[in-house]
Amino acid sequence: MTDTTKVVAITGASSGIGEAAARRLAADGHRLFLGARRTDRLDALTRDITTIGGTAASRRLDVTDAADVRAFVAAARERYGRVDVVVNNAGVMPLSPLEALRTEEWDRMIDVNVRGVLHGIAAALPVMRAQGGGHFVNIASVGAYEVSPTAAVYCATKFAVRAISEGLRQESAGDVRVTLVSPGVTESELADGISDPVARRAMKEYRAVALPAPAIADAIAYAVAQPADVDVNEIVVRPAASPQ
């Protein structure tokens, strides 16, 4: 294993940024282990990558289940012998005004967006320590830096991912690298989960100008490609035409 060829585990890999990252990192020669709940899409993505000569395997994954995340990381390590990079990408965004009191959706965002990242860290950090190094790439959002109406809880989860990433970086003493990637408006299925009509209309307007998912994959690939003594800590990527 060299600095340029790594074992990369990606959560939420069945669509959007996760899928784009898988395709880009496979093209760069990395060996991938992909996780998501939609196994049909995972299987199709894995076939696409291997058909063109890449290396990929997959396993169904629910990031809200700590034991499942541990099993996912263990399976990646068993298959490839190590885990060099974990891309904590899985996320949900059912926006709504706080007064709508959609508490189940709040809980879901906390479970996936915050606990999912923590579960990924808890599962992979001992592996990385044991092998002498590793790299977490945590996907946040521009919502980790600013708050907008209907997005209070979502932004809170992304502020948390930013705080967790910075804390992990400070505690890692150089052997485990930490990168926070914060996309602006990006083409994905995230907005499909918005059930509140007010938030859905607002998001349709907000997403009128959006980045393609491969643009975020390029940012992830850049951070992963750096040598072991270079730690790219934060990358914010926005559409050039967007004022937000």
C-alpha atoms as a PDB file:
ATOM      1  CA  MET A   1       0.000   0.000   0.000  1.00  0.00           C
ATOM      2  CA  THR A   2       1.392   3.384  -1.047  1.00  0.00           C
ATOM      3  CA  ASP A   3       0.403   6.950  -0.317  1.00  0.00           C
ATOM      4  CA  THR A   4      -1.307   7.094  -3.704  1.00  0.00           C
ATOM      5  CA  THR A   5      -3.318   3.852  -3.541  1.00  0.00           C
ATOM      6  CA  LYS A   6      -5.626   3.541  -0.580  1.00  0.00           C
ATOM      7  CA  VAL A   7      -8.513   1.556   0.828  1.00  0.00           C
ATOM      8  CA  VAL A   8     -11.480   3.920   1.047  1.00  0.00           C
ATOM      9  CA  ALA A   9     -14.766   3.163   2.802  1.00  0.00           C
ATOM     10  CA  ILE A  10     -17.690   5.413   1.846  1.00  0.00           C
ATOM     11  CA  THR A  11     -21.032   5.685   3.621  1.00  0.00           C
ATOM     12  CA  GLY A  12     -24.129   6.852   1.778  1.00  0.00           C
ATOM     13  CA  ALA A  13     -22.536   5.632  -1.449  1.00  0.00           C
ATOM     14  CA  SER A  14     -25.692   4.748  -3.365  1.00  0.00           C
ATOM     15  CA  SER A  15     -26.337   8.210  -4.855  1.00  0.00           C
ATOM     16  CA  GLY A  16     -25.301  11.848  -5.017  1.00  0.00           C
ATOM     17  CA  ILE A  17     -21.951  12.858  -3.569  1.00  0.00           C
ATOM     18  CA  GLY A  18     -21.232   9.363  -2.255  1.00  0.00           C
ATOM     19  CA  GLU A  19     -21.709   7.758  -5.649  1.00  0.00           C
ATOM     20  CA  ALA A  20     -19.715  10.482  -7.410  1.00  0.00           C
ATOM     21  CA  ALA A  21     -16.891  10.109  -4.888  1.00  0.00           C
ATOM     22  CA  ALA A  22     -16.842   6.348  -5.411  1.00  0.00           C
ATOM     23  CA  ARG A  23     -16.530   6.733  -9.164  1.00  0.00           C
ATOM     24  CA  ARG A  24     -13.820   9.393  -8.906  1.00  0.00           C
ATOM     25  CA  LEU A  25     -11.747   7.591  -6.279  1.00  0.00           C
ATOM     26  CA  ALA A  26     -12.007   4.308  -8.191  1.00  0.00           C
ATOM     27  CA  ALA A  27     -10.753   6.102 -11.302  1.00  0.00           C
ATOM     28  CA  ASP A  28      -7.797   7.309  -9.215  1.00  0.00           C
ATOM     29  CA  GLY A  29      -6.924   3.683  -8.452  1.00  0.00           C
ATOM     30  CA  HIS A  30      -8.165   3.398  -4.874  1.00  0.00           C
ATOM     31  CA  ARG A  31      -9.834   0.240  -3.568  1.00  0.00           C
ATOM     32  CA  LEU A  32     -13.361   0.946  -2.394  1.00  0.00           C
ATOM     33  CA  PHE A  33     -15.753  -0.488   0.138  1.00  0.00           C
ATOM     34  CA  LEU A  34     -19.192   1.045  -0.282  1.00  0.00           C
ATOM     35  CA  GLY A  35     -22.085   1.204   2.153  1.00  0.00           C
ATOM     36  CA  ALA A  36     -25.717   2.362   1.989  1.00  0.00           C
ATOM     37  CA  ARG A  37     -29.187   1.034   2.662  1.00  0.00           C
ATOM     38  CA  ARG A  38     -30.170   0.662  -1.003  1.00  0.00           C
ATOM     39  CA  THR A  39     -28.331  -2.492  -1.977  1.00  0.00           C
ATOM     40  CA  ASP A  40     -29.677  -2.529  -5.528  1.00  0.00           C
ATOM     41  CA  ARG A  41     -27.932   0.754  -6.237  1.00  0.00           C
ATOM     42  CA  LEU A  42     -24.798  -0.339  -4.401  1.00  0.00           C
ATOM     43  CA  ASP A  43     -24.649  -3.507  -6.474  1.00  0.00           C
ATOM     44  CA  ALA A  44     -25.079  -1.554  -9.709  1.00  0.00           C
ATOM     45  CA  LEU A  45     -22.377   0.940  -8.726  1.00  0.00           C
ATOM     46  CA  THR A  46     -19.983  -1.824  -7.756  1.00  0.00           C
ATOM     47  CA  ARG A  47     -20.565  -3.534 -11.107  1.00  0.00           C
ATOM     48  CA  ASP A  48     -19.961  -0.281 -12.969  1.00  0.00           C
ATOM     49  CA  ILE A  49     -16.662   0.280 -11.187  1.00  0.00           C
ATOM     50  CA  THR A  50     -15.354  -3.263 -11.575  1.00  0.00           C
ATOM     51  CA  THR A  51     -16.444  -3.465 -15.213  1.00  0.00           C
ATOM     52  CA  ILE A  52     -14.084  -0.634 -16.126  1.00  0.00           C
ATOM     53  CA  GLY A  53     -11.222  -2.159 -14.154  1.00  0.00           C
ATOM     54  CA  GLY A  54     -11.681  -0.567 -10.741  1.00  0.00           C
ATOM     55  CA  THR A  55     -11.750  -2.344  -7.395  1.00  0.00           C
ATOM     56  CA  ALA A  56     -14.914  -2.144  -5.303  1.00  0.00           C
ATOM     57  CA  ALA A  57     -17.083  -4.168  -2.956  1.00  0.00           C
ATOM     58  CA  SER A  58     -20.162  -3.225  -0.990  1.00  0.00           C
ATOM     59  CA  ARG A  59     -22.270  -4.050   2.039  1.00  0.00           C
ATOM     60  CA  ARG A  60     -25.661  -2.844   3.220  1.00  0.00           C
ATOM     61  CA  LEU A  61     -25.162  -0.200   5.890  1.00  0.00           C
ATOM     62  CA  ASP A  62     -27.346   1.739   8.307  1.00  0.00           C
ATOM     63  CA  VAL A  63     -25.150   4.424   9.858  1.00  0.00           C
ATOM     64  CA  THR A  64     -27.602   4.949  12.729  1.00  0.00           C
ATOM     65  CA  ASP A  65     -26.725   1.454  13.993  1.00  0.00           C
ATOM     66  CA  ALA A  66     -23.316   1.532  15.692  1.00  0.00           C
ATOM     67  CA  ALA A  67     -22.898  -2.245  15.495  1.00  0.00           C
ATOM     68  CA  ASP A  68     -23.668  -2.192  11.784  1.00  0.00           C
ATOM     69  CA  VAL A  69     -21.037   0.491  11.192  1.00  0.00           C
ATOM     70  CA  ARG A  70     -18.481  -1.538  13.154  1.00  0.00           C
ATOM     71  CA  ALA A  71     -19.319  -4.564  11.015  1.00  0.00           C
ATOM     72  CA  PHE A  72     -18.994  -2.453   7.857  1.00  0.00           C
ATOM     73  CA  VAL A  73     -15.508  -1.257   8.772  1.00  0.00           C
ATOM     74  CA  ALA A  74     -14.509  -4.762   9.888  1.00  0.00           C
ATOM     75  CA  ALA A  75     -15.680  -6.175   6.551  1.00  0.00           C
ATOM     76  CA  ALA A  76     -13.628  -3.595   4.655  1.00  0.00           C
ATOM     77  CA  ARG A  77     -10.572  -4.446   6.716  1.00  0.00           C
ATOM     78  CA  GLU A  78     -11.120  -8.173   6.250  1.00  0.00           C
ATOM     79  CA  ARG A  79     -11.405  -7.782   2.499  1.00  0.00           C
ATOM     80  CA  TYR A  80      -8.460  -5.435   1.923  1.00  0.00           C
ATOM     81  CA  GLY A  81      -6.300  -5.808   5.035  1.00  0.00           C
ATOM     82  CA  ARG A  82      -6.613  -2.207   6.185  1.00  0.00           C
ATOM     83  CA  VAL A  83      -8.810   0.902   6.015  1.00  0.00           C
ATOM     84  CA  ASP A  84      -6.988   4.078   5.024  1.00  0.00           C
ATOM     85  CA  VAL A  85      -9.853   6.507   4.474  1.00  0.00           C
ATOM     86  CA  VAL A  86     -13.423   6.717   5.736  1.00  0.00           C
ATOM     87  CA  VAL A  87     -15.722   9.135   3.930  1.00  0.00           C
ATOM     88  CA  ASN A  88     -18.568   9.848   6.354  1.00  0.00           C
ATOM     89  CA  ASN A  89     -21.032  10.985   3.716  1.00  0.00           C
ATOM     90  CA  ALA A  90     -24.453   9.612   4.665  1.00  0.00           C
ATOM     91  CA  GLY A  91     -26.906  12.415   5.426  1.00  0.00           C
ATOM     92  CA  VAL A  92     -30.544  13.478   5.349  1.00  0.00           C
ATOM     93  CA  MET A  93     -32.163  16.919   5.039  1.00  0.00           C
ATOM     94  CA  PRO A  94     -35.927  16.984   5.790  1.00  0.00           C
ATOM     95  CA  LEU A  95     -36.168  20.735   6.323  1.00  0.00           C
ATOM     96  CA  SER A  96     -39.114  22.401   8.047  1.00  0.00           C
ATOM     97  CA  PRO A  97     -39.865  25.447  10.223  1.00  0.00           C
ATOM     98  CA  LEU A  98     -39.356  24.710  13.909  1.00  0.00           C
ATOM     99  CA  GLU A  99     -42.979  25.611  14.589  1.00  0.00           C
ATOM    100  CA  ALA A 100     -44.046  22.671  12.410  1.00  0.00           C
ATOM    101  CA  LEU A 101     -42.793  20.453  15.276  1.00  0.00           C
ATOM    102  CA  ARG A 102     -41.691  17.618  13.024  1.00  0.00           C
ATOM    103  CA  THR A 103     -39.795  16.008  15.882  1.00  0.00           C
ATOM    104  CA  GLU A 104     -39.411  12.630  14.191  1.00  0.00           C
ATOM    105  CA  GLU A 105     -37.604  14.344  11.326  1.00  0.00           C
ATOM    106  CA  TRP A 106     -35.396  16.210  13.810  1.00  0.00           C
ATOM    107  CA  ASP A 107     -34.479  12.905  15.431  1.00  0.00           C
ATOM    108  CA  ARG A 108     -33.740  11.356  12.051  1.00  0.00           C
ATOM    109  CA  MET A 109     -31.337  14.156  11.133  1.00  0.00           C
ATOM    110  CA  ILE A 110     -29.557  13.857  14.470  1.00  0.00           C
ATOM    111  CA  ASP A 111     -29.327  10.076  14.129  1.00  0.00           C
ATOM    112  CA  VAL A 112     -27.964  10.070  10.566  1.00  0.00           C
ATOM    113  CA  ASN A 113     -26.030  13.313  10.328  1.00  0.00           C
ATOM    114  CA  VAL A 114     -24.416  13.358  13.786  1.00  0.00           C
ATOM    115  CA  ARG A 115     -24.540   9.869  15.243  1.00  0.00           C
ATOM    116  CA  GLY A 116     -23.718   8.400  11.841  1.00  0.00           C
ATOM    117  CA  VAL A 117     -20.463  10.364  11.735  1.00  0.00           C
ATOM    118  CA  LEU A 118     -19.642   9.461  15.333  1.00  0.00           C
ATOM    119  CA  HIS A 119     -20.328   5.789  14.599  1.00  0.00           C
ATOM    120  CA  GLY A 120     -17.952   5.962  11.630  1.00  0.00           C
ATOM    121  CA  ILE A 121     -15.236   7.487  13.776  1.00  0.00           C
ATOM    122  CA  ALA A 122     -15.768   5.014  16.610  1.00  0.00           C
ATOM    123  CA  ALA A 123     -15.581   2.062  14.226  1.00  0.00           C
ATOM    124  CA  ALA A 124     -12.548   3.153  12.221  1.00  0.00           C
ATOM    125  CA  LEU A 125     -10.381   5.137  14.628  1.00  0.00           C
ATOM    126  CA  PRO A 126      -9.049   2.051  16.494  1.00  0.00           C
ATOM    127  CA  VAL A 127      -8.260   0.433  13.135  1.00  0.00           C
ATOM    128  CA  MET A 128      -6.366   3.502  11.965  1.00  0.00           C
ATOM    129  CA  ARG A 129      -4.475   3.789  15.244  1.00  0.00           C
ATOM    130  CA  ALA A 130      -3.465   0.128  15.049  1.00  0.00           C
ATOM    131  CA  GLN A 131      -2.188   0.406  11.478  1.00  0.00           C
ATOM    132  CA  GLY A 132      -0.325   3.659  12.139  1.00  0.00           C
ATOM    133  CA  GLY A 133      -2.505   6.168  10.334  1.00  0.00           C
ATOM    134  CA  GLY A 134      -5.643   6.979   8.433  1.00  0.00           C
ATOM    135  CA  HIS A 135      -7.908   9.724   7.182  1.00  0.00           C
ATOM    136  CA  PHE A 136     -11.485  10.777   7.903  1.00  0.00           C
ATOM    137  CA  VAL A 137     -13.310  12.855   5.304  1.00  0.00           C
ATOM    138  CA  ASN A 138     -16.501  14.155   6.892  1.00  0.00           C
ATOM    139  CA  ILE A 139     -19.122  15.686   4.620  1.00  0.00           C
ATOM    140  CA  ALA A 140     -20.827  18.705   6.150  1.00  0.00           C
ATOM    141  CA  SER A 141     -22.433  21.625   4.287  1.00  0.00           C
ATOM    142  CA  VAL A 142     -22.299  25.388   4.021  1.00  0.00           C
ATOM    143  CA  GLY A 143     -24.963  24.915   6.687  1.00  0.00           C
ATOM    144  CA  ALA A 144     -22.052  24.221   9.041  1.00  0.00           C
ATOM    145  CA  TYR A 145     -21.222  27.952   8.845  1.00  0.00           C
ATOM    146  CA  GLU A 146     -24.589  29.671   8.508  1.00  0.00           C
ATOM    147  CA  VAL A 147     -28.228  29.118   9.451  1.00  0.00           C
ATOM    148  CA  SER A 148     -31.287  29.758   7.286  1.00  0.00           C
ATOM    149  CA  PRO A 149     -35.047  29.520   7.923  1.00  0.00           C
ATOM    150  CA  THR A 150     -36.444  25.940   7.893  1.00  0.00           C
ATOM    151  CA  ALA A 151     -32.872  24.609   8.266  1.00  0.00           C
ATOM    152  CA  ALA A 152     -32.224  25.175  11.969  1.00  0.00           C
ATOM    153  CA  VAL A 153     -31.953  21.504  12.935  1.00  0.00           C
ATOM    154  CA  TYR A 154     -30.161  20.502   9.743  1.00  0.00           C
ATOM    155  CA  CYS A 155     -27.625  23.290  10.234  1.00  0.00           C
ATOM    156  CA  ALA A 156     -27.224  22.284  13.878  1.00  0.00           C
ATOM    157  CA  THR A 157     -26.249  18.793  12.774  1.00  0.00           C
ATOM    158  CA  LYS A 158     -23.715  20.175  10.321  1.00  0.00           C
ATOM    159  CA  PHE A 159     -22.288  22.591  12.905  1.00  0.00           C
ATOM    160  CA  ALA A 160     -21.859  19.460  15.045  1.00  0.00           C
ATOM    161  CA  VAL A 161     -20.009  17.629  12.270  1.00  0.00           C
ATOM    162  CA  ARG A 162     -17.703  20.615  11.937  1.00  0.00           C
ATOM    163  CA  ALA A 163     -17.039  20.659  15.699  1.00  0.00           C
ATOM    164  CA  ILE A 164     -16.474  16.909  15.841  1.00  0.00           C
ATOM    165  CA  SER A 165     -14.064  17.082  12.911  1.00  0.00           C
ATOM    166  CA  GLU A 166     -12.043  19.873  14.501  1.00  0.00           C
ATOM    167  CA  GLY A 167     -11.930  18.081  17.834  1.00  0.00           C
ATOM    168  CA  LEU A 168     -10.739  14.885  16.176  1.00  0.00           C
ATOM    169  CA  ARG A 169      -8.082  16.809  14.275  1.00  0.00           C
ATOM    170  CA  GLN A 170      -6.745  18.375  17.451  1.00  0.00           C
ATOM    171  CA  GLU A 171      -6.652  15.026  19.236  1.00  0.00           C
ATOM    172  CA  SER A 172      -5.021  13.084  16.415  1.00  0.00           C
ATOM    173  CA  ALA A 173      -1.406  14.221  16.867  1.00  0.00           C
ATOM    174  CA  GLY A 174      -0.651  13.864  13.176  1.00  0.00           C
ATOM    175  CA  ASP A 175      -1.292  10.159  12.656  1.00  0.00           C
ATOM    176  CA  VAL A 176      -4.949  10.488  11.636  1.00  0.00           C
ATOM    177  CA  ARG A 177      -5.834  13.212   9.164  1.00  0.00           C
ATOM    178  CA  VAL A 178      -9.233  14.918   9.204  1.00  0.00           C
ATOM    179  CA  THR A 179     -10.895  16.772   6.346  1.00  0.00           C
ATOM    180  CA  LEU A 180     -14.229  18.577   6.496  1.00  0.00           C
ATOM    181  CA  VAL A 181     -15.813  19.037   3.061  1.00  0.00           C
ATOM    182  CA  SER A 182     -18.709  21.510   3.051  1.00  0.00           C
ATOM    183  CA  PRO A 183     -20.697  21.621  -0.185  1.00  0.00           C
ATOM    184  CA  GLY A 184     -22.942  24.462  -1.188  1.00  0.00           C
ATOM    185  CA  VAL A 185     -26.045  23.648  -3.215  1.00  0.00           C
ATOM    186  CA  THR A 186     -25.296  20.370  -4.962  1.00  0.00           C
ATOM    187  CA  GLU A 187     -27.348  18.159  -7.243  1.00  0.00           C
ATOM    188  CA  SER A 188     -28.495  15.226  -5.097  1.00  0.00           C
ATOM    189  CA  GLU A 189     -31.529  13.464  -3.692  1.00  0.00           C
ATOM    190  CA  LEU A 190     -31.262  15.206  -0.305  1.00  0.00           C
ATOM    191  CA  ALA A 191     -34.138  17.562  -1.006  1.00  0.00           C
ATOM    192  CA  ASP A 192     -36.428  14.654  -1.964  1.00  0.00           C
ATOM    193  CA  GLY A 193     -36.958  13.938   1.730  1.00  0.00           C
ATOM    194  CA  ILE A 194     -38.489  17.338   2.519  1.00  0.00           C
ATOM    195  CA  SER A 195     -42.107  16.746   3.500  1.00  0.00           C
ATOM    196  CA  ASP A 196     -42.938  20.278   4.674  1.00  0.00           C
ATOM    197  CA  PRO A 197     -44.516  22.234   1.780  1.00  0.00           C
ATOM    198  CA  VAL A 198     -43.063  25.605   2.813  1.00  0.00           C
ATOM    199  CA  ALA A 199     -39.539  24.229   3.037  1.00  0.00           C
ATOM    200  CA  ARG A 200     -39.964  22.262  -0.184  1.00  0.00           C
ATOM    201  CA  ARG A 201     -40.920  25.407  -2.148  1.00  0.00           C
ATOM    202  CA  ALA A 202     -38.056  27.392  -0.607  1.00  0.00           C
ATOM    203  CA  MET A 203     -35.552  24.665  -1.400  1.00  0.00           C
ATOM    204  CA  LYS A 204     -36.708  24.460  -5.030  1.00  0.00           C
ATOM    205  CA  GLU A 205     -35.834  28.140  -5.421  1.00  0.00           C
ATOM    206  CA  TYR A 206     -32.614  27.808  -3.429  1.00  0.00           C
ATOM    207  CA  ARG A 207     -31.441  24.935  -5.611  1.00  0.00           C
ATOM    208  CA  ALA A 208     -31.986  26.778  -8.901  1.00  0.00           C
ATOM    209  CA  VAL A 209     -28.187  27.041  -9.199  1.00  0.00           C
ATOM    210  CA  ALA A 210     -26.446  23.851  -8.112  1.00  0.00           C
ATOM    211  CA  LEU A 211     -23.086  22.130  -8.422  1.00  0.00           C
ATOM    212  CA  PRO A 212     -22.850  18.699 -10.013  1.00  0.00           C
ATOM    213  CA  ALA A 213     -21.946  15.999  -7.487  1.00  0.00           C
ATOM    214  CA  PRO A 214     -18.612  15.247  -9.253  1.00  0.00           C
ATOM    215  CA  ALA A 215     -17.412  18.726  -8.249  1.00  0.00           C
ATOM    216  CA  ILE A 216     -17.581  17.661  -4.605  1.00  0.00           C
ATOM    217  CA  ALA A 217     -16.004  14.324  -5.496  1.00  0.00           C
ATOM    218  CA  ASP A 218     -13.055  16.260  -6.931  1.00  0.00           C
ATOM    219  CA  ALA A 219     -12.611  18.064  -3.608  1.00  0.00           C
ATOM    220  CA  ILE A 220     -12.669  14.765  -1.731  1.00  0.00           C
ATOM    221  CA  ALA A 221     -10.163  13.256  -4.158  1.00  0.00           C
ATOM    222  CA  TYR A 222      -7.854  16.250  -3.718  1.00  0.00           C
ATOM    223  CA  ALA A 223      -7.760  15.829   0.058  1.00  0.00           C
ATOM    224  CA  VAL A 224      -7.250  12.067  -0.169  1.00  0.00           C
ATOM    225  CA  ALA A 225      -4.408  12.455  -2.671  1.00  0.00           C
ATOM    226  CA  GLN A 226      -2.214  14.583  -0.417  1.00  0.00           C
ATOM    227  CA  PRO A 227       0.895  13.001   1.109  1.00  0.00           C
ATOM    228  CA  ALA A 228       0.747  11.761   4.682  1.00  0.00           C
ATOM    229  CA  ASP A 229       2.348  14.913   6.100  1.00  0.00           C
ATOM    230  CA  VAL A 230      -0.274  17.202   4.528  1.00  0.00           C
ATOM    231  CA  ASP A 231      -3.654  17.506   6.251  1.00  0.00           C
ATOM    232  CA  VAL A 232      -6.287  19.431   4.297  1.00  0.00           C
ATOM    233  CA  ASN A 233      -8.664  20.419   7.093  1.00  0.00           C
ATOM    234  CA  GLU A 234     -11.560  22.319   5.516  1.00  0.00           C
ATOM    235  CA  ILE A 235     -12.857  22.692   1.965  1.00  0.00           C
ATOM    236  CA  VAL A 236     -15.948  24.774   1.169  1.00  0.00           C
ATOM    237  CA  VAL A 237     -17.282  24.393  -2.379  1.00  0.00           C
ATOM    238  CA  ARG A 238     -20.053  26.653  -3.706  1.00  0.00           C
ATOM    239  CA  PRO A 239     -21.547  27.324  -7.132  1.00  0.00           C
ATOM    240  CA  ALA A 240     -19.726  30.320  -8.587  1.00  0.00           C
ATOM    241  CA  ALA A 241     -23.059  32.015  -9.343  1.00  0.00           C
ATOM    242  CA  SER A 242     -24.478  31.568  -5.850  1.00  0.00           C
ATOM    243  CA  PRO A 243     -24.286  34.407  -3.300  1.00  0.00           C
ATOM    244  CA  GLN A 244     -24.781  32.006  -0.367  1.00  0.00           C
END
